[in-house]
Amino acid sequence: MTGDLTEAVVAAQAGDEEAFRILYRSLQPGLLRYLTALVGPDAEDVASETWLQISRDLSRFTGGEFRAWAVTIARNRAMDHLRRQRRRPSLPVPVQELNDLAGDADTAERAGETIGTESALALIATLPPREAEAVLLRAVIGLDAETAGRVLGRRPGAVRTAAHRGLRRLAALLERGDEPEPSDGERIAPPRPRPTPQVSQAEPADG
């Protein structure tokens, strides 16, 4: 987390509304893209639930990577939503719309700008779940491998490998020019939410 964002967190915890708006403007675009890949057209609703919980629990955030804390809340809310809806997100688009996606040689850190479109997110949603979420957290949210590993409950090396494989697979799909099939009917995210870090005795998410 940058120094500016750290200051905004501290000020927002003290009740500064402008500081909270800074946090929102800094995180909302990435969170919304991430949630779009998880829950499709319901991303706005889940994002609203996420920010409601962030505002409620912010005073108990005790430091660390704020983005990781926020994305864990978003992920848990998305899992709650998918359990309620009992459906898999669907964002069908032709692969031809993804000509600017990062290729095999690009790293997750450099891919963010090219996979932020709705079309690219739809293609990412067809990857194996572990690869898809690793790509999203590394390239869309901008978490490093260690932080993303804490969110997902995996080793940093496993997250790096999954993100690299995901990007290679996307590049191969684009080279073939054919639209991929969803992987085994699985959702992007695993079925169990991860505990929200850096909050003591966090209240359970609203149902």
Protein backbone atom coordinates (compact mmCIF):
# COMPACT_ATOMS: atom_id res chain seq x y z
CA MET A 1 0.00 0.00 0.00
CA THR A 2 1.34 3.41 -0.89
CA GLY A 3 2.02 6.11 1.67
CA ASP A 4 -0.83 8.22 0.34
CA LEU A 5 -3.29 5.35 0.74
CA THR A 6 -1.98 4.62 4.22
CA GLU A 7 -2.68 8.21 5.22
CA ALA A 8 -6.15 7.98 3.69
CA VAL A 9 -6.90 4.83 5.69
CA VAL A 10 -5.85 6.48 8.96
CA ALA A 11 -7.85 9.61 8.18
CA ALA A 12 -10.90 7.59 7.14
CA GLN A 13 -10.73 5.64 10.39
CA ALA A 14 -10.88 8.98 12.19
CA GLY A 15 -14.08 9.86 10.34
CA ASP A 16 -12.71 11.89 7.42
CA GLU A 17 -15.28 11.45 4.64
CA GLU A 18 -12.99 12.83 1.95
CA ALA A 19 -10.33 10.27 2.91
CA PHE A 20 -12.90 7.50 2.54
CA ARG A 21 -13.77 8.84 -0.92
CA ILE A 22 -10.06 8.63 -1.81
CA LEU A 23 -10.03 4.98 -0.78
CA TYR A 24 -13.15 4.34 -2.83
CA ARG A 25 -11.79 6.03 -5.94
CA SER A 26 -8.49 4.18 -5.59
CA LEU A 27 -9.94 0.69 -5.15
CA GLN A 28 -13.36 0.62 -6.76
CA PRO A 29 -12.28 0.26 -10.43
CA GLY A 30 -10.14 -2.80 -9.71
CA LEU A 31 -12.66 -4.31 -7.31
CA LEU A 32 -15.43 -3.89 -9.85
CA ARG A 33 -13.45 -5.64 -12.59
CA TYR A 34 -12.56 -8.44 -10.18
CA LEU A 35 -16.18 -8.85 -9.10
CA THR A 36 -17.38 -8.74 -12.71
CA ALA A 37 -15.31 -11.83 -13.39
CA LEU A 38 -16.74 -13.54 -10.29
CA VAL A 39 -20.43 -12.63 -10.44
CA GLY A 40 -20.97 -11.10 -13.87
CA PRO A 41 -23.68 -8.43 -14.16
CA ASP A 42 -24.29 -8.43 -10.40
CA ALA A 43 -20.85 -6.94 -9.75
CA GLU A 44 -22.21 -3.47 -8.91
CA ASP A 45 -24.53 -4.89 -6.25
CA VAL A 46 -21.79 -7.00 -4.68
CA ALA A 47 -19.40 -4.02 -4.78
CA SER A 48 -21.98 -1.97 -2.90
CA GLU A 49 -22.25 -4.70 -0.26
CA THR A 50 -18.46 -4.80 -0.08
CA TRP A 51 -18.14 -1.08 0.58
CA LEU A 52 -20.90 -1.23 3.15
CA GLN A 53 -18.92 -3.82 5.09
CA ILE A 54 -15.66 -1.91 4.59
CA SER A 55 -17.21 1.23 6.04
CA ARG A 56 -18.67 -0.73 8.93
CA ASP A 57 -15.45 -2.55 9.84
CA LEU A 58 -12.87 0.09 8.89
CA SER A 59 -12.38 1.27 12.46
CA ARG A 60 -11.13 -2.21 13.37
CA PHE A 61 -8.63 -2.50 10.52
CA THR A 62 -5.28 -2.79 12.30
CA GLY A 63 -2.80 -2.23 9.50
CA GLY A 64 -1.12 -4.23 6.78
CA GLU A 65 -2.15 -4.40 3.13
CA PHE A 66 -5.44 -2.53 2.93
CA ARG A 67 -6.12 -3.66 -0.63
CA ALA A 68 -5.80 -7.30 0.46
CA TRP A 69 -8.27 -6.70 3.28
CA ALA A 70 -10.73 -5.02 0.93
CA VAL A 71 -10.45 -7.67 -1.78
CA THR A 72 -10.94 -10.44 0.78
CA ILE A 73 -14.19 -8.79 1.84
CA ALA A 74 -15.21 -8.48 -1.82
CA ARG A 75 -14.37 -12.13 -2.46
CA ASN A 76 -16.35 -13.30 0.54
CA ARG A 77 -19.35 -11.22 -0.50
CA ALA A 78 -19.10 -12.66 -4.01
CA MET A 79 -19.09 -16.20 -2.60
CA ASP A 80 -22.15 -15.38 -0.51
CA HIS A 81 -23.86 -14.01 -3.60
CA LEU A 82 -23.05 -17.05 -5.75
CA ARG A 83 -24.31 -19.39 -3.07
CA ARG A 84 -27.56 -17.45 -2.93
CA GLN A 85 -28.01 -17.28 -6.66
CA ARG A 86 -26.84 -20.81 -7.44
CA ARG A 87 -25.66 -19.82 -10.86
CA ARG A 88 -22.48 -19.41 -12.81
CA PRO A 89 -21.62 -15.96 -14.30
CA SER A 90 -21.76 -15.78 -18.05
CA LEU A 91 -20.19 -13.03 -20.17
CA PRO A 92 -20.08 -14.46 -23.70
CA VAL A 93 -17.92 -12.45 -26.11
CA PRO A 94 -15.95 -13.32 -29.23
CA VAL A 95 -12.24 -13.81 -28.73
CA GLN A 96 -11.61 -11.48 -31.64
CA GLU A 97 -12.44 -8.51 -29.40
CA LEU A 98 -9.37 -9.24 -27.28
CA ASN A 99 -6.63 -8.41 -29.75
CA ASP A 100 -4.83 -6.11 -27.29
CA LEU A 101 -4.52 -8.68 -24.51
CA ALA A 102 -1.01 -9.23 -23.16
CA GLY A 103 0.94 -12.00 -24.84
CA ASP A 104 3.07 -14.84 -23.53
CA ALA A 105 6.07 -12.64 -22.72
CA ASP A 106 4.08 -10.19 -20.59
CA THR A 107 4.08 -10.48 -16.82
CA ALA A 108 1.02 -10.16 -14.60
CA GLU A 109 2.23 -6.76 -13.39
CA ARG A 110 2.24 -5.38 -16.97
CA ALA A 111 -1.02 -7.00 -18.04
CA GLY A 112 -3.40 -4.90 -15.95
CA GLU A 113 -4.12 -2.25 -18.54
CA THR A 114 -4.89 -4.80 -21.25
CA ILE A 115 -7.20 -7.10 -19.30
CA GLY A 116 -9.40 -4.46 -17.73
CA THR A 117 -12.11 -4.59 -20.39
CA GLU A 118 -15.34 -6.50 -19.96
CA SER A 119 -14.45 -8.67 -22.96
CA ALA A 120 -11.09 -9.67 -21.50
CA LEU A 121 -12.67 -10.44 -18.14
CA ALA A 122 -15.09 -12.75 -19.91
CA LEU A 123 -12.21 -14.67 -21.42
CA ILE A 124 -10.40 -14.86 -18.09
CA ALA A 125 -13.57 -16.36 -16.61
CA THR A 126 -13.09 -19.40 -18.86
CA LEU A 127 -9.67 -20.22 -17.39
CA PRO A 128 -9.25 -22.91 -14.73
CA PRO A 129 -10.40 -21.27 -11.46
CA ARG A 130 -6.97 -21.11 -9.79
CA GLU A 131 -5.35 -19.51 -12.82
CA ALA A 132 -8.21 -17.09 -13.38
CA GLU A 133 -8.22 -15.72 -9.86
CA ALA A 134 -4.44 -15.49 -9.73
CA VAL A 135 -4.46 -13.40 -12.92
CA LEU A 136 -7.22 -11.19 -11.54
CA LEU A 137 -5.54 -10.54 -8.20
CA ARG A 138 -2.09 -9.95 -9.70
CA ALA A 139 -2.99 -7.97 -12.83
CA VAL A 140 -6.36 -6.36 -12.07
CA ILE A 141 -6.17 -5.69 -8.33
CA GLY A 142 -2.38 -5.26 -8.39
CA LEU A 143 -1.49 -7.46 -5.41
CA ASP A 144 1.96 -8.96 -5.19
CA ALA A 145 2.25 -12.74 -5.09
CA GLU A 146 2.71 -12.91 -1.33
CA THR A 147 -0.35 -10.78 -0.60
CA ALA A 148 -2.47 -12.57 -3.19
CA GLY A 149 -1.37 -15.85 -1.63
CA ARG A 150 -2.69 -14.72 1.74
CA VAL A 151 -6.04 -13.81 0.19
CA LEU A 152 -6.30 -17.19 -1.55
CA GLY A 153 -4.69 -19.33 1.13
CA ARG A 154 -1.88 -20.42 -1.21
CA ARG A 155 1.90 -20.14 -1.34
CA PRO A 156 3.28 -17.11 -3.23
CA GLY A 157 5.11 -19.38 -5.66
CA ALA A 158 1.88 -21.19 -6.48
CA VAL A 159 0.16 -17.87 -7.18
CA ARG A 160 3.01 -16.74 -9.46
CA THR A 161 2.87 -20.03 -11.34
CA ALA A 162 -0.91 -19.91 -11.71
CA ALA A 163 -0.84 -16.32 -12.97
CA HIS A 164 1.91 -17.11 -15.47
CA ARG A 165 0.09 -20.19 -16.74
CA GLY A 166 -3.12 -18.21 -17.02
CA LEU A 167 -1.48 -15.52 -19.12
CA ARG A 168 0.16 -18.14 -21.34
CA ARG A 169 -3.18 -19.86 -21.81
CA LEU A 170 -4.87 -16.56 -22.73
CA ALA A 171 -2.13 -15.80 -25.25
CA ALA A 172 -2.55 -19.26 -26.79
CA LEU A 173 -6.31 -18.80 -27.06
CA LEU A 174 -5.82 -15.52 -28.86
CA GLU A 175 -3.30 -17.02 -31.25
CA ARG A 176 -5.76 -19.80 -32.14
CA GLY A 177 -8.56 -17.28 -32.53
CA ASP A 178 -11.23 -19.64 -31.23
CA GLU A 179 -13.51 -19.05 -28.27
CA PRO A 180 -12.62 -21.32 -25.33
CA GLU A 181 -15.03 -23.51 -23.43
CA PRO A 182 -15.61 -22.91 -19.69
CA SER A 183 -13.37 -25.12 -17.58
CA ASP A 184 -15.38 -28.04 -16.15
CA GLY A 185 -18.28 -25.79 -15.17
CA GLU A 186 -16.35 -24.41 -12.21
CA ARG A 187 -16.62 -20.91 -10.90
CA ILE A 188 -13.51 -18.78 -10.84
CA ALA A 189 -13.25 -18.70 -7.08
CA PRO A 190 -13.11 -21.70 -4.74
CA PRO A 191 -16.32 -22.39 -2.79
CA ARG A 192 -15.04 -21.43 0.63
CA PRO A 193 -14.38 -17.76 1.50
CA ARG A 194 -11.13 -16.82 3.15
CA PRO A 195 -11.16 -15.15 6.58
CA THR A 196 -10.95 -11.37 6.36
CA PRO A 197 -7.42 -10.41 7.55
CA GLN A 198 -6.37 -7.64 9.90
CA VAL A 199 -9.71 -7.30 11.70
CA SER A 200 -10.27 -8.57 15.22
CA GLN A 201 -13.54 -10.35 15.87
CA ALA A 202 -15.01 -9.27 12.53
CA GLU A 203 -18.76 -9.47 12.34
CA PRO A 204 -20.12 -12.11 9.96
CA ALA A 205 -21.10 -10.82 6.53
CA ASP A 206 -24.72 -9.88 6.14
CA GLY A 207 -26.65 -12.62 4.45
